[in-house]
Amino acid sequence: MRYYTNKKVFKERLALEAIKEQNMRELNQARTNFFTNISHDLKTPLTLVLDPLKQLRETLGANDKTNSYMQVIEKNVTRIQRMISQLLRFREIESQKITLNPQVADFIGFVRDVFGLFELYANRKEIETDMAAHQPQLYVAFDFDIIEKILTNLFRMR
């Protein structure tokens, strides 16, 4: 009798584990769908902001002070668009099929661009900033998205 009771309890536990596993898969799928949908919903308005901003910047003179503010806004909107594209790659990450996308570019220039996104904010907070390099340019192959994530985490101001 004990054998049959234990066998029945074991079968019920297995069935419960299968249900839990199925629910976890459905939850993961719902999460992925949510990120995908919200990413698409955010990408369009950002594009609609970026295009008029570029046109407005072109109408201003190169020496106009507002032009530098617009450049910072444009860079940050572009950065947000890249982050949204990363969210759209979420399915690849979930399936562990993500691959590096190294491209040869000026690494020092790239770091300066990312660092520049924080300078206006730092100046407003009266934080002194400076970036120095031993050479003006360094061309190497690197994944823009991954290095940008690392740098923004390093430069993030709390």
N, C-alpha and C. Protein backbone atom coordinates (compact mmCIF):
# COMPACT_ATOMS: atom_id res chain seq x y z
N MET A 1 0.82 -1.19 0.00
CA MET A 1 0.00 0.00 0.00
C MET A 1 0.88 1.27 0.00
N ARG A 2 1.93 1.23 0.85
CA ARG A 2 2.84 2.37 0.92
C ARG A 2 3.51 2.61 -0.44
N TYR A 3 3.89 1.55 -1.12
CA TYR A 3 4.53 1.65 -2.44
C TYR A 3 3.61 2.38 -3.41
N TYR A 4 2.35 2.00 -3.48
CA TYR A 4 1.40 2.63 -4.41
C TYR A 4 1.12 4.09 -4.01
N THR A 5 1.07 4.33 -2.73
CA THR A 5 0.86 5.71 -2.26
C THR A 5 2.05 6.58 -2.64
N ASN A 6 3.26 6.09 -2.42
CA ASN A 6 4.47 6.84 -2.78
C ASN A 6 4.55 7.06 -4.30
N LYS A 7 4.16 6.04 -5.03
CA LYS A 7 4.18 6.15 -6.49
C LYS A 7 3.20 7.22 -6.96
N LYS A 8 2.02 7.26 -6.36
CA LYS A 8 1.00 8.25 -6.73
C LYS A 8 1.47 9.66 -6.36
N VAL A 9 2.05 9.82 -5.18
CA VAL A 9 2.58 11.13 -4.74
C VAL A 9 3.69 11.58 -5.70
N PHE A 10 4.56 10.65 -6.10
CA PHE A 10 5.64 10.97 -7.02
C PHE A 10 5.09 11.45 -8.37
N LYS A 11 4.08 10.76 -8.89
CA LYS A 11 3.46 11.14 -10.16
C LYS A 11 2.83 12.53 -10.06
N GLU A 12 2.18 12.81 -8.92
CA GLU A 12 1.56 14.12 -8.73
C GLU A 12 2.61 15.23 -8.66
N ARG A 13 3.72 14.93 -8.01
CA ARG A 13 4.82 15.92 -7.95
C ARG A 13 5.39 16.17 -9.34
N LEU A 14 5.55 15.12 -10.12
CA LEU A 14 6.03 15.28 -11.49
C LEU A 14 5.07 16.13 -12.32
N ALA A 15 3.78 15.86 -12.18
CA ALA A 15 2.78 16.64 -12.91
C ALA A 15 2.81 18.10 -12.47
N LEU A 16 2.97 18.33 -11.17
CA LEU A 16 3.05 19.70 -10.65
C LEU A 16 4.29 20.42 -11.18
N GLU A 17 5.41 19.72 -11.22
CA GLU A 17 6.64 20.30 -11.77
C GLU A 17 6.47 20.65 -13.25
N ALA A 18 5.80 19.78 -13.99
CA ALA A 18 5.56 20.04 -15.42
C ALA A 18 4.69 21.29 -15.59
N ILE A 19 3.69 21.43 -14.73
CA ILE A 19 2.82 22.62 -14.80
C ILE A 19 3.62 23.88 -14.45
N LYS A 20 4.45 23.79 -13.42
CA LYS A 20 5.29 24.94 -13.05
C LYS A 20 6.21 25.34 -14.20
N GLU A 21 6.82 24.35 -14.82
CA GLU A 21 7.72 24.60 -15.94
C GLU A 21 6.99 25.25 -17.11
N GLN A 22 5.80 24.77 -17.41
CA GLN A 22 4.99 25.34 -18.48
C GLN A 22 4.61 26.79 -18.15
N ASN A 23 4.22 27.04 -16.91
CA ASN A 23 3.89 28.41 -16.50
C ASN A 23 5.10 29.33 -16.60
N MET A 24 6.28 28.83 -16.26
CA MET A 24 7.50 29.63 -16.35
C MET A 24 7.81 29.96 -17.81
N ARG A 25 7.63 29.00 -18.71
CA ARG A 25 7.85 29.26 -20.14
C ARG A 25 6.88 30.31 -20.64
N GLU A 26 5.61 30.21 -20.24
CA GLU A 26 4.60 31.18 -20.66
C GLU A 26 4.91 32.57 -20.10
N LEU A 27 5.38 32.64 -18.87
CA LEU A 27 5.76 33.91 -18.26
C LEU A 27 6.94 34.54 -19.01
N ASN A 28 7.93 33.73 -19.33
CA ASN A 28 9.09 34.23 -20.09
C ASN A 28 8.66 34.72 -21.47
N GLN A 29 7.76 34.00 -22.11
CA GLN A 29 7.27 34.41 -23.43
C GLN A 29 6.49 35.72 -23.32
N ALA A 30 5.66 35.84 -22.29
CA ALA A 30 4.89 37.07 -22.09
C ALA A 30 5.84 38.25 -21.83
N ARG A 31 6.89 38.02 -21.06
CA ARG A 31 7.87 39.07 -20.78
C ARG A 31 8.58 39.49 -22.07
N THR A 32 8.98 38.54 -22.86
CA THR A 32 9.65 38.85 -24.12
C THR A 32 8.72 39.62 -25.05
N ASN A 33 7.47 39.18 -25.13
CA ASN A 33 6.49 39.90 -25.97
C ASN A 33 6.27 41.32 -25.47
N PHE A 34 6.22 41.49 -24.15
CA PHE A 34 6.05 42.83 -23.58
C PHE A 34 7.21 43.73 -23.98
N PHE A 35 8.45 43.27 -23.80
CA PHE A 35 9.60 44.07 -24.17
C PHE A 35 9.62 44.39 -25.66
N THR A 36 9.25 43.43 -26.47
CA THR A 36 9.22 43.65 -27.91
C THR A 36 8.18 44.70 -28.28
N ASN A 37 6.98 44.56 -27.71
CA ASN A 37 5.90 45.50 -28.03
C ASN A 37 6.20 46.91 -27.54
N ILE A 38 6.69 47.04 -26.32
CA ILE A 38 6.98 48.36 -25.78
C ILE A 38 8.14 49.00 -26.54
N SER A 39 9.07 48.19 -26.99
CA SER A 39 10.20 48.72 -27.76
C SER A 39 9.72 49.32 -29.08
N HIS A 40 8.83 48.60 -29.76
CA HIS A 40 8.29 49.14 -31.01
C HIS A 40 7.48 50.40 -30.75
N ASP A 41 6.73 50.43 -29.65
CA ASP A 41 5.91 51.59 -29.32
C ASP A 41 6.76 52.82 -29.00
N LEU A 42 7.95 52.63 -28.46
CA LEU A 42 8.82 53.75 -28.11
C LEU A 42 9.65 54.24 -29.29
N LYS A 43 9.98 53.35 -30.19
CA LYS A 43 10.88 53.69 -31.28
C LYS A 43 10.28 54.73 -32.23
N THR A 44 9.02 54.62 -32.55
CA THR A 44 8.38 55.54 -33.49
C THR A 44 8.36 56.98 -32.97
N PRO A 45 7.91 57.24 -31.74
CA PRO A 45 7.92 58.64 -31.28
C PRO A 45 9.32 59.24 -31.21
N LEU A 46 10.31 58.42 -30.88
CA LEU A 46 11.67 58.94 -30.84
C LEU A 46 12.13 59.37 -32.23
N THR A 47 11.77 58.60 -33.23
CA THR A 47 12.09 58.97 -34.61
C THR A 47 11.39 60.27 -34.98
N LEU A 48 10.14 60.41 -34.53
CA LEU A 48 9.38 61.62 -34.81
C LEU A 48 9.95 62.84 -34.08
N VAL A 49 10.66 62.64 -33.00
CA VAL A 49 11.33 63.73 -32.29
C VAL A 49 12.65 64.07 -32.97
N LEU A 50 13.36 63.05 -33.38
CA LEU A 50 14.71 63.24 -33.93
C LEU A 50 14.71 64.00 -35.25
N ASP A 51 13.80 63.69 -36.14
CA ASP A 51 13.80 64.34 -37.45
C ASP A 51 13.56 65.85 -37.35
N PRO A 52 12.54 66.33 -36.64
CA PRO A 52 12.38 67.78 -36.52
C PRO A 52 13.55 68.45 -35.78
N LEU A 53 14.13 67.74 -34.83
CA LEU A 53 15.28 68.28 -34.11
C LEU A 53 16.45 68.52 -35.06
N LYS A 54 16.71 67.56 -35.93
CA LYS A 54 17.77 67.72 -36.92
C LYS A 54 17.49 68.90 -37.84
N GLN A 55 16.24 69.03 -38.28
CA GLN A 55 15.87 70.15 -39.16
C GLN A 55 16.03 71.48 -38.44
N LEU A 56 15.63 71.54 -37.19
CA LEU A 56 15.76 72.77 -36.41
C LEU A 56 17.22 73.13 -36.21
N ARG A 57 18.03 72.15 -35.95
CA ARG A 57 19.47 72.38 -35.77
C ARG A 57 20.11 72.93 -37.04
N GLU A 58 19.64 72.43 -38.19
CA GLU A 58 20.17 72.91 -39.48
C GLU A 58 19.79 74.35 -39.75
N THR A 59 18.63 74.79 -39.24
CA THR A 59 18.21 76.18 -39.49
C THR A 59 18.95 77.17 -38.62
N LEU A 60 19.51 76.71 -37.50
CA LEU A 60 20.25 77.60 -36.62
C LEU A 60 21.67 77.78 -37.13
N GLY A 61 22.28 78.85 -36.75
CA GLY A 61 23.67 79.08 -37.12
C GLY A 61 24.59 78.15 -36.36
N ALA A 62 25.74 77.88 -36.92
CA ALA A 62 26.70 76.97 -36.29
C ALA A 62 27.22 77.52 -34.97
N ASN A 63 27.22 78.84 -34.82
CA ASN A 63 27.73 79.45 -33.59
C ASN A 63 26.65 79.64 -32.53
N ASP A 64 25.43 79.35 -32.86
CA ASP A 64 24.33 79.53 -31.92
C ASP A 64 24.51 78.57 -30.73
N LYS A 65 24.36 79.11 -29.51
CA LYS A 65 24.56 78.30 -28.30
C LYS A 65 23.55 77.17 -28.19
N THR A 66 22.34 77.39 -28.68
CA THR A 66 21.32 76.34 -28.61
C THR A 66 21.68 75.14 -29.48
N ASN A 67 22.53 75.36 -30.47
CA ASN A 67 22.97 74.28 -31.35
C ASN A 67 23.68 73.18 -30.56
N SER A 68 24.50 73.57 -29.58
CA SER A 68 25.21 72.56 -28.77
C SER A 68 24.23 71.78 -27.91
N TYR A 69 23.19 72.45 -27.39
CA TYR A 69 22.17 71.74 -26.62
C TYR A 69 21.42 70.74 -27.51
N MET A 70 21.13 71.17 -28.72
CA MET A 70 20.42 70.28 -29.64
C MET A 70 21.26 69.08 -30.01
N GLN A 71 22.57 69.27 -30.14
CA GLN A 71 23.45 68.14 -30.43
C GLN A 71 23.41 67.12 -29.30
N VAL A 72 23.40 67.60 -28.06
CA VAL A 72 23.33 66.70 -26.91
C VAL A 72 22.00 65.95 -26.92
N ILE A 73 20.91 66.67 -27.20
CA ILE A 73 19.59 66.03 -27.27
C ILE A 73 19.58 64.98 -28.37
N GLU A 74 20.11 65.33 -29.53
CA GLU A 74 20.13 64.40 -30.66
C GLU A 74 20.94 63.15 -30.32
N LYS A 75 22.10 63.33 -29.68
CA LYS A 75 22.92 62.18 -29.32
C LYS A 75 22.19 61.28 -28.32
N ASN A 76 21.50 61.89 -27.37
CA ASN A 76 20.79 61.10 -26.36
C ASN A 76 19.58 60.38 -26.94
N VAL A 77 18.87 61.03 -27.86
CA VAL A 77 17.75 60.35 -28.52
C VAL A 77 18.27 59.18 -29.35
N THR A 78 19.37 59.38 -30.04
CA THR A 78 19.98 58.30 -30.82
C THR A 78 20.42 57.16 -29.90
N ARG A 79 20.95 57.51 -28.74
CA ARG A 79 21.37 56.49 -27.77
C ARG A 79 20.15 55.70 -27.29
N ILE A 80 19.05 56.38 -27.00
CA ILE A 80 17.83 55.70 -26.56
C ILE A 80 17.34 54.77 -27.66
N GLN A 81 17.43 55.21 -28.91
CA GLN A 81 17.02 54.35 -30.03
C GLN A 81 17.88 53.09 -30.08
N ARG A 82 19.19 53.23 -29.85
CA ARG A 82 20.06 52.05 -29.84
C ARG A 82 19.69 51.12 -28.69
N MET A 83 19.35 51.68 -27.54
CA MET A 83 18.96 50.86 -26.40
C MET A 83 17.67 50.10 -26.71
N ILE A 84 16.76 50.75 -27.41
CA ILE A 84 15.51 50.10 -27.80
C ILE A 84 15.80 48.97 -28.78
N SER A 85 16.73 49.21 -29.68
CA SER A 85 17.12 48.14 -30.61
C SER A 85 17.70 46.95 -29.85
N GLN A 86 18.41 47.24 -28.77
CA GLN A 86 18.94 46.16 -27.94
C GLN A 86 17.80 45.37 -27.29
N LEU A 87 16.76 46.08 -26.86
CA LEU A 87 15.60 45.38 -26.31
C LEU A 87 14.96 44.48 -27.36
N LEU A 88 14.96 44.95 -28.60
CA LEU A 88 14.39 44.13 -29.67
C LEU A 88 15.23 42.89 -29.93
N ARG A 89 16.48 42.94 -29.55
CA ARG A 89 17.35 41.76 -29.67
C ARG A 89 17.19 40.83 -28.47
N PHE A 90 16.25 41.16 -27.60
CA PHE A 90 16.03 40.40 -26.37
C PHE A 90 15.77 38.92 -26.66
N ARG A 91 15.05 38.64 -27.72
CA ARG A 91 14.77 37.23 -28.06
C ARG A 91 16.06 36.46 -28.32
N GLU A 92 17.01 37.13 -28.97
CA GLU A 92 18.29 36.47 -29.22
C GLU A 92 19.01 36.18 -27.90
N ILE A 93 18.95 37.14 -27.00
CA ILE A 93 19.61 36.96 -25.71
C ILE A 93 18.96 35.81 -24.94
N GLU A 94 17.62 35.79 -24.94
CA GLU A 94 16.89 34.73 -24.24
C GLU A 94 17.24 33.35 -24.79
N SER A 95 17.42 33.27 -26.09
CA SER A 95 17.74 31.98 -26.69
C SER A 95 19.24 31.71 -26.73
N GLN A 96 20.00 32.62 -26.12
CA GLN A 96 21.46 32.52 -26.04
C GLN A 96 22.11 32.42 -27.41
N LYS A 97 21.53 33.12 -28.37
CA LYS A 97 22.10 33.15 -29.71
C LYS A 97 22.71 34.52 -30.01
N ILE A 98 22.95 35.31 -28.96
CA ILE A 98 23.52 36.63 -29.14
C ILE A 98 24.97 36.50 -29.59
N THR A 99 25.35 37.31 -30.51
CA THR A 99 26.71 37.28 -31.01
C THR A 99 27.30 38.68 -30.92
N LEU A 100 28.60 38.72 -30.78
CA LEU A 100 29.29 40.01 -30.78
C LEU A 100 29.26 40.57 -32.20
N ASN A 101 29.22 41.88 -32.27
CA ASN A 101 29.22 42.55 -33.56
C ASN A 101 30.38 43.55 -33.60
N PRO A 102 31.62 43.04 -33.63
CA PRO A 102 32.75 43.96 -33.62
C PRO A 102 32.91 44.68 -34.96
N GLN A 103 33.19 45.97 -34.86
CA GLN A 103 33.44 46.79 -36.04
C GLN A 103 34.67 47.63 -35.77
N VAL A 104 35.47 47.84 -36.79
CA VAL A 104 36.68 48.64 -36.62
C VAL A 104 36.27 50.11 -36.63
N ALA A 105 36.68 50.81 -35.58
CA ALA A 105 36.38 52.24 -35.47
C ALA A 105 37.37 52.86 -34.50
N ASP A 106 37.30 54.19 -34.40
CA ASP A 106 38.16 54.93 -33.49
C ASP A 106 37.61 54.78 -32.07
N PHE A 107 38.27 53.98 -31.27
CA PHE A 107 37.81 53.70 -29.91
C PHE A 107 37.87 54.96 -29.04
N ILE A 108 38.92 55.73 -29.16
CA ILE A 108 39.06 56.94 -28.35
C ILE A 108 37.97 57.95 -28.72
N GLY A 109 37.69 58.09 -30.01
CA GLY A 109 36.61 58.98 -30.44
C GLY A 109 35.26 58.51 -29.92
N PHE A 110 35.05 57.19 -29.92
CA PHE A 110 33.80 56.64 -29.42
C PHE A 110 33.65 56.93 -27.93
N VAL A 111 34.71 56.72 -27.16
CA VAL A 111 34.68 57.00 -25.72
C VAL A 111 34.42 58.49 -25.49
N ARG A 112 35.04 59.35 -26.29
CA ARG A 112 34.80 60.81 -26.16
C ARG A 112 33.33 61.14 -26.43
N ASP A 113 32.74 60.52 -27.43
CA ASP A 113 31.32 60.77 -27.74
C ASP A 113 30.42 60.36 -26.58
N VAL A 114 30.65 59.18 -26.03
CA VAL A 114 29.83 58.71 -24.92
C VAL A 114 30.07 59.60 -23.70
N PHE A 115 31.32 59.93 -23.45
CA PHE A 115 31.67 60.81 -22.33
C PHE A 115 31.01 62.18 -22.49
N GLY A 116 30.94 62.66 -23.73
CA GLY A 116 30.33 63.95 -24.02
C GLY A 116 28.85 64.01 -23.66
N LEU A 117 28.18 62.87 -23.69
CA LEU A 117 26.76 62.85 -23.32
C LEU A 117 26.55 63.26 -21.87
N PHE A 118 27.56 63.10 -21.04
CA PHE A 118 27.44 63.38 -19.62
C PHE A 118 28.00 64.75 -19.23
N GLU A 119 28.73 65.41 -20.12
CA GLU A 119 29.41 66.65 -19.76
C GLU A 119 28.45 67.78 -19.39
N LEU A 120 27.39 67.97 -20.15
CA LEU A 120 26.44 69.04 -19.86
C LEU A 120 25.83 68.85 -18.47
N TYR A 121 25.44 67.62 -18.19
CA TYR A 121 24.86 67.30 -16.89
C TYR A 121 25.89 67.53 -15.78
N ALA A 122 27.12 67.10 -16.01
CA ALA A 122 28.17 67.27 -15.00
C ALA A 122 28.45 68.75 -14.77
N ASN A 123 28.49 69.55 -15.82
CA ASN A 123 28.72 70.99 -15.67
C ASN A 123 27.61 71.64 -14.87
N ARG A 124 26.39 71.23 -15.11
CA ARG A 124 25.26 71.79 -14.38
C ARG A 124 25.36 71.44 -12.90
N LYS A 125 25.90 70.28 -12.61
CA LYS A 125 26.07 69.84 -11.22
C LYS A 125 27.41 70.31 -10.65
N GLU A 126 28.13 71.12 -11.43
CA GLU A 126 29.45 71.65 -11.05
C GLU A 126 30.45 70.54 -10.76
N ILE A 127 30.40 69.51 -11.60
CA ILE A 127 31.37 68.42 -11.53
C ILE A 127 32.38 68.64 -12.64
N GLU A 128 33.62 68.71 -12.25
CA GLU A 128 34.68 68.95 -13.24
C GLU A 128 34.96 67.66 -14.00
N THR A 129 35.00 67.74 -15.32
CA THR A 129 35.25 66.56 -16.14
C THR A 129 36.46 66.79 -17.03
N ASP A 130 37.13 65.71 -17.34
CA ASP A 130 38.28 65.78 -18.25
C ASP A 130 38.53 64.39 -18.78
N MET A 131 38.92 64.33 -20.03
CA MET A 131 39.27 63.04 -20.61
C MET A 131 40.59 63.22 -21.35
N ALA A 132 41.55 62.38 -21.04
CA ALA A 132 42.86 62.45 -21.67
C ALA A 132 43.21 61.08 -22.25
N ALA A 133 43.91 61.10 -23.37
CA ALA A 133 44.37 59.87 -24.01
C ALA A 133 45.81 60.07 -24.47
N HIS A 134 46.55 58.99 -24.52
CA HIS A 134 47.94 59.06 -24.94
C HIS A 134 48.10 59.31 -26.43
N GLN A 135 47.07 59.00 -27.18
CA GLN A 135 47.10 59.24 -28.62
C GLN A 135 45.72 59.74 -29.05
N PRO A 136 45.66 60.52 -30.12
CA PRO A 136 44.38 61.12 -30.52
C PRO A 136 43.37 60.11 -31.06
N GLN A 137 43.84 59.02 -31.64
CA GLN A 137 42.94 58.02 -32.22
C GLN A 137 43.51 56.62 -31.97
N LEU A 138 42.60 55.66 -31.89
CA LEU A 138 43.01 54.26 -31.76
C LEU A 138 41.96 53.41 -32.46
N TYR A 139 42.31 52.89 -33.63
CA TYR A 139 41.37 52.08 -34.41
C TYR A 139 41.50 50.62 -34.00
N VAL A 140 40.41 50.09 -33.45
CA VAL A 140 40.34 48.69 -33.04
C VAL A 140 38.95 48.17 -33.37
N ALA A 141 38.79 46.86 -33.32
CA ALA A 141 37.48 46.25 -33.52
C ALA A 141 36.82 46.08 -32.16
N PHE A 142 35.60 46.62 -32.02
CA PHE A 142 34.85 46.48 -30.77
C PHE A 142 33.37 46.53 -31.07
N ASP A 143 32.59 45.97 -30.15
CA ASP A 143 31.13 45.98 -30.27
C ASP A 143 30.62 47.27 -29.65
N PHE A 144 30.05 48.15 -30.47
CA PHE A 144 29.61 49.47 -30.03
C PHE A 144 28.62 49.37 -28.86
N ASP A 145 27.63 48.49 -28.98
CA ASP A 145 26.58 48.38 -27.95
C ASP A 145 27.15 47.96 -26.61
N ILE A 146 28.00 46.97 -26.62
CA ILE A 146 28.54 46.45 -25.36
C ILE A 146 29.45 47.48 -24.70
N ILE A 147 30.32 48.10 -25.48
CA ILE A 147 31.23 49.11 -24.91
C ILE A 147 30.43 50.31 -24.42
N GLU A 148 29.39 50.69 -25.14
CA GLU A 148 28.56 51.81 -24.69
C GLU A 148 27.89 51.50 -23.35
N LYS A 149 27.39 50.28 -23.19
CA LYS A 149 26.79 49.89 -21.91
C LYS A 149 27.81 49.99 -20.78
N ILE A 150 29.00 49.49 -21.03
CA ILE A 150 30.04 49.52 -20.01
C ILE A 150 30.38 50.96 -19.64
N LEU A 151 30.58 51.81 -20.65
CA LEU A 151 30.96 53.19 -20.40
C LEU A 151 29.86 53.97 -19.68
N THR A 152 28.62 53.80 -20.11
CA THR A 152 27.54 54.55 -19.45
C THR A 152 27.38 54.11 -18.00
N ASN A 153 27.65 52.85 -17.71
CA ASN A 153 27.61 52.41 -16.32
C ASN A 153 28.76 53.02 -15.53
N LEU A 154 29.90 53.20 -16.16
CA LEU A 154 31.04 53.82 -15.48
C LEU A 154 30.83 55.32 -15.28
N PHE A 155 30.26 55.99 -16.28
CA PHE A 155 30.11 57.44 -16.23
C PHE A 155 28.84 57.88 -15.50
N ARG A 156 27.93 56.98 -15.27
CA ARG A 156 26.63 57.33 -14.69
C ARG A 156 26.80 58.15 -13.43
N MET A 157 26.03 59.21 -13.39
CA MET A 157 26.09 60.10 -12.22
C MET A 157 24.89 59.84 -11.35
N ARG A 158 25.12 59.67 -10.12
CA ARG A 158 24.03 59.38 -9.18
C ARG A 158 23.67 60.60 -8.40
